[in-house]
Amino acid sequence: MCGVIGISLTSVTPSDLELVKRVFVESMIRGKHATGVSFVKNRGIVTIKNGVSVTEFLKTLDLNDCINEDGGLYMIGHIRYSTSDIRYNQPFSNGNISIVHNGVISQEDPAEWPYKCETSNDSEMILKCIEDGDHPLQTFHDKSLAVCKINSGKVLNCYRNHERPLWYTELDNGVIFTSTKNIAVRAGLSNPVKCEMFVSYNYDGMWFNDTMNSNGVEDLQ
């Protein structure tokens, strides 16, 4: 059980930053072993992660430093509950895209994985899958996925399958994804909506979504 967060906000105010802090703090119910963020700045992805709880992490992270040069905040976050190795925390990034994942892809030996990874954290396969030009909802359709992805073009992409939770709340200046409805409500977000399974929610100031069936095949209807 981990927590994932996706944020795309424009014209960020101090009250928006306080809201983001509350989202992270309320997400701590999903884990206390590690916290990490990736955000878009200077046309690239900046990633910061540490093996500490959200409250400790926020003591050293100034969200003002995460604001993009256009005044917006384009960020994903991960709150980790580790059942094994505490190393190799999320997000996983290549500098142009970054992902956070809640779920299980494989518990096999990394030597048996379909993608060659630099770590033994199976969530890294989400990033490698995307780098290969594939979509995780297709490649890993029978695994457990709740994923938030950000790219250097400020496009936020979030999706889920099966039983991994993911919710979104629309605001006047953007959208925030949270793992659960309760996290959103406790943080002060109104009217969170449950993400449909096998729908890839894409947001860059406007929605443009892709739908796949339960076999991970794109639905063209």
Protein backbone atom coordinates (compact mmCIF):
# COMPACT_ATOMS: atom_id res chain seq x y z
CA MET A 1 0.00 0.00 0.00
CA CYS A 2 1.51 3.29 -1.16
CA GLY A 3 0.15 6.71 -2.00
CA VAL A 4 0.40 8.51 -5.33
CA ILE A 5 -0.31 12.17 -6.06
CA GLY A 6 -0.70 14.06 -9.32
CA ILE A 7 -0.91 17.85 -9.48
CA SER A 8 -1.42 20.28 -12.36
CA LEU A 9 -2.17 23.83 -11.19
CA THR A 10 -1.78 27.21 -12.87
CA SER A 11 -1.43 30.64 -11.25
CA VAL A 12 -0.44 29.09 -7.94
CA THR A 13 -1.21 31.09 -4.80
CA PRO A 14 0.02 30.60 -1.20
CA SER A 15 -3.34 28.99 -0.38
CA ASP A 16 -2.79 26.52 -3.24
CA LEU A 17 0.57 25.55 -1.78
CA GLU A 18 -1.01 25.01 1.63
CA LEU A 19 -3.59 22.78 -0.05
CA VAL A 20 -0.83 20.76 -1.70
CA LYS A 21 0.90 20.35 1.67
CA ARG A 22 -2.33 19.05 3.18
CA VAL A 23 -2.70 16.55 0.34
CA PHE A 24 0.77 15.20 1.08
CA VAL A 25 0.23 15.10 4.84
CA GLU A 26 -3.12 13.34 4.52
CA SER A 27 -1.56 10.85 2.09
CA MET A 28 0.86 9.77 4.83
CA ILE A 29 -1.78 7.26 5.93
CA ARG A 30 -0.62 5.27 2.89
CA GLY A 31 2.96 4.96 4.18
CA LYS A 32 5.77 6.51 6.21
CA HIS A 33 8.89 4.79 4.87
CA ALA A 34 9.78 7.22 2.08
CA THR A 35 8.54 10.31 0.26
CA GLY A 36 9.40 11.70 -3.15
CA VAL A 37 8.34 14.29 -5.72
CA SER A 38 9.06 15.16 -9.33
CA PHE A 39 8.14 18.53 -10.78
CA VAL A 40 8.61 20.42 -14.03
CA LYS A 41 11.03 23.32 -13.98
CA ASN A 42 13.40 24.89 -16.51
CA ARG A 43 11.97 22.62 -19.22
CA GLY A 44 13.02 19.47 -17.38
CA ILE A 45 12.05 17.16 -14.54
CA VAL A 46 13.48 17.72 -11.06
CA THR A 47 13.21 14.75 -8.69
CA ILE A 48 13.70 14.81 -4.92
CA LYS A 49 13.19 11.73 -2.74
CA ASN A 50 14.23 10.55 0.68
CA GLY A 51 13.60 7.62 3.01
CA VAL A 52 11.61 9.69 5.49
CA SER A 53 7.97 10.37 6.30
CA VAL A 54 5.99 13.15 4.64
CA THR A 55 6.23 15.41 7.68
CA GLU A 56 10.02 15.10 7.77
CA PHE A 57 10.25 15.49 3.99
CA LEU A 58 8.25 18.72 3.99
CA LYS A 59 10.60 20.24 6.54
CA THR A 60 13.29 20.41 3.85
CA LEU A 61 11.14 20.96 0.74
CA ASP A 62 10.03 24.51 -0.05
CA LEU A 63 7.13 24.18 -2.47
CA ASN A 64 7.84 27.67 -3.73
CA ASP A 65 11.02 26.23 -5.26
CA CYS A 66 8.86 23.77 -7.21
CA ILE A 67 6.80 26.41 -9.00
CA ASN A 68 7.37 26.47 -12.74
CA GLU A 69 8.63 29.59 -14.52
CA ASP A 70 5.08 30.08 -15.88
CA GLY A 71 3.73 30.33 -12.31
CA GLY A 72 2.14 26.89 -12.26
CA LEU A 73 2.85 23.72 -10.29
CA TYR A 74 3.19 20.49 -12.26
CA MET A 75 4.11 17.70 -9.85
CA ILE A 76 3.75 14.05 -8.96
CA GLY A 77 4.39 12.58 -5.53
CA HIS A 78 4.90 9.19 -3.91
CA ILE A 79 4.36 8.11 -0.32
CA ARG A 80 5.86 4.68 0.29
CA TYR A 81 4.87 1.81 2.48
CA SER A 82 7.65 -0.72 2.02
CA THR A 83 7.21 -4.43 2.59
CA SER A 84 10.80 -5.23 1.65
CA ASP A 85 13.86 -3.26 0.53
CA ILE A 86 13.68 0.43 1.55
CA ARG A 87 16.14 1.36 -1.19
CA TYR A 88 15.14 2.52 -4.66
CA ASN A 89 12.35 4.88 -3.71
CA GLN A 90 10.04 6.64 -6.15
CA PRO A 91 9.55 8.63 -8.34
CA PHE A 92 11.49 7.03 -11.19
CA SER A 93 12.60 9.58 -13.78
CA ASN A 94 14.80 9.92 -16.84
CA GLY A 95 14.80 13.73 -16.76
CA ASN A 96 12.06 14.05 -19.38
CA ILE A 97 9.35 11.91 -17.82
CA SER A 98 8.74 10.72 -14.28
CA ILE A 99 6.35 8.17 -12.79
CA VAL A 100 4.98 7.10 -9.42
CA HIS A 101 3.23 3.77 -8.99
CA ASN A 102 1.11 2.02 -6.41
CA GLY A 103 0.75 -1.69 -7.05
CA VAL A 104 2.72 -4.80 -7.94
CA ILE A 105 4.19 -5.62 -11.34
CA SER A 106 6.35 -8.62 -10.48
CA GLN A 107 7.70 -10.46 -7.47
CA GLU A 108 10.02 -12.55 -9.62
CA ASP A 109 13.80 -12.22 -9.74
CA PRO A 110 14.69 -8.98 -11.60
CA ALA A 111 16.69 -11.10 -14.04
CA GLU A 112 13.33 -12.48 -15.25
CA TRP A 113 11.70 -9.09 -15.78
CA PRO A 114 10.69 -8.14 -19.35
CA TYR A 115 12.56 -4.82 -19.01
CA LYS A 116 16.14 -4.30 -17.91
CA CYS A 117 16.07 -2.02 -14.86
CA GLU A 118 18.72 -0.24 -12.84
CA THR A 119 17.07 -1.14 -9.52
CA SER A 120 15.26 -4.08 -7.96
CA ASN A 121 12.06 -2.05 -7.50
CA ASP A 122 9.51 -3.50 -9.92
CA SER A 123 7.83 -0.10 -10.29
CA GLU A 124 10.78 0.99 -12.43
CA MET A 125 9.37 -1.23 -15.16
CA ILE A 126 6.58 1.33 -15.63
CA LEU A 127 9.18 3.89 -16.71
CA LYS A 128 11.03 1.41 -18.92
CA CYS A 129 7.78 0.36 -20.55
CA ILE A 130 6.98 3.97 -21.45
CA GLU A 131 10.50 4.55 -22.73
CA ASP A 132 10.00 1.61 -25.10
CA GLY A 133 6.92 3.33 -26.54
CA ASP A 134 4.43 1.01 -24.85
CA HIS A 135 1.55 1.83 -22.52
CA PRO A 136 1.59 0.15 -19.09
CA LEU A 137 -2.19 -0.33 -19.21
CA GLN A 138 -1.60 -2.56 -22.22
CA THR A 139 1.67 -4.23 -21.26
CA PHE A 140 0.74 -4.84 -17.61
CA HIS A 141 -3.05 -5.05 -17.98
CA ASP A 142 -3.26 -8.05 -15.64
CA LYS A 143 -1.06 -6.50 -12.92
CA SER A 144 -2.09 -3.95 -10.28
CA LEU A 145 -1.61 -0.33 -11.30
CA ALA A 146 -2.31 3.16 -10.04
CA VAL A 147 0.12 5.47 -11.84
CA CYS A 148 0.77 9.20 -12.06
CA LYS A 149 3.16 10.43 -14.74
CA ILE A 150 4.46 13.92 -15.57
CA ASN A 151 6.55 14.95 -18.55
CA SER A 152 8.74 17.95 -19.24
CA GLY A 153 5.97 19.36 -21.45
CA LYS A 154 3.81 19.72 -18.31
CA VAL A 155 1.37 16.97 -19.30
CA LEU A 156 -0.03 15.02 -16.35
CA ASN A 157 -1.12 11.44 -17.11
CA CYS A 158 -2.83 9.22 -14.51
CA TYR A 159 -4.54 5.84 -14.68
CA ARG A 160 -5.51 2.73 -12.77
CA ASN A 161 -6.68 -0.84 -13.28
CA HIS A 162 -8.33 -3.49 -11.13
CA GLU A 163 -8.48 -2.64 -7.44
CA ARG A 164 -5.80 0.01 -6.98
CA PRO A 165 -7.53 3.27 -6.00
CA LEU A 166 -7.18 6.64 -7.71
CA TRP A 167 -9.37 9.75 -7.51
CA TYR A 168 -9.25 13.22 -9.04
CA THR A 169 -10.61 16.60 -8.00
CA GLU A 170 -11.07 19.41 -10.49
CA LEU A 171 -10.30 22.96 -9.33
CA ASP A 172 -10.73 26.34 -11.00
CA ASN A 173 -7.01 26.35 -11.79
CA GLY A 174 -6.35 22.68 -12.48
CA VAL A 175 -6.66 19.18 -11.06
CA ILE A 176 -5.28 17.09 -8.19
CA PHE A 177 -5.15 13.28 -8.15
CA THR A 178 -5.11 11.39 -4.85
CA SER A 179 -5.03 7.71 -3.98
CA THR A 180 -8.33 7.76 -2.13
CA LYS A 181 -11.43 9.89 -1.72
CA ASN A 182 -10.82 10.25 2.02
CA ILE A 183 -7.39 11.76 1.43
CA ALA A 184 -8.91 14.36 -0.88
CA VAL A 185 -11.75 15.21 1.50
CA ARG A 186 -9.51 15.45 4.58
CA ALA A 187 -7.16 17.75 2.66
CA GLY A 188 -10.06 20.09 1.88
CA LEU A 189 -10.83 19.08 -1.71
CA SER A 190 -14.48 19.08 -2.73
CA ASN A 191 -16.29 16.54 -4.92
CA PRO A 192 -13.50 14.06 -5.72
CA VAL A 193 -14.31 11.67 -8.57
CA LYS A 194 -13.22 8.04 -8.77
CA CYS A 195 -11.05 7.29 -11.80
CA GLU A 196 -12.49 4.65 -14.09
CA MET A 197 -10.44 1.52 -14.66
CA PHE A 198 -8.45 1.38 -17.90
CA VAL A 199 -8.97 5.07 -18.63
CA SER A 200 -5.79 7.10 -19.15
CA TYR A 201 -6.51 10.60 -17.84
CA ASN A 202 -4.37 13.19 -19.61
CA TYR A 203 -4.34 16.83 -18.53
CA ASP A 204 -2.40 19.85 -19.80
CA GLY A 205 -4.97 22.50 -18.90
CA MET A 206 -7.55 20.50 -20.84
CA TRP A 207 -8.58 16.84 -20.73
CA PHE A 208 -7.70 14.41 -23.51
CA ASN A 209 -8.31 10.85 -22.40
CA ASP A 210 -7.69 7.38 -23.83
CA THR A 211 -9.80 4.34 -23.00
CA MET A 212 -8.71 0.70 -23.06
CA ASN A 213 -10.65 -2.47 -22.36
CA SER A 214 -9.87 -4.90 -19.55
CA ASN A 215 -7.37 -6.70 -21.80
CA GLY A 216 -5.34 -3.52 -22.18
CA VAL A 217 -6.44 -3.03 -25.80
CA GLU A 218 -7.30 0.50 -26.87
CA ASP A 219 -11.03 1.02 -27.36
CA LEU A 220 -11.45 2.98 -30.58
CA GLN A 221 -15.21 3.42 -30.26
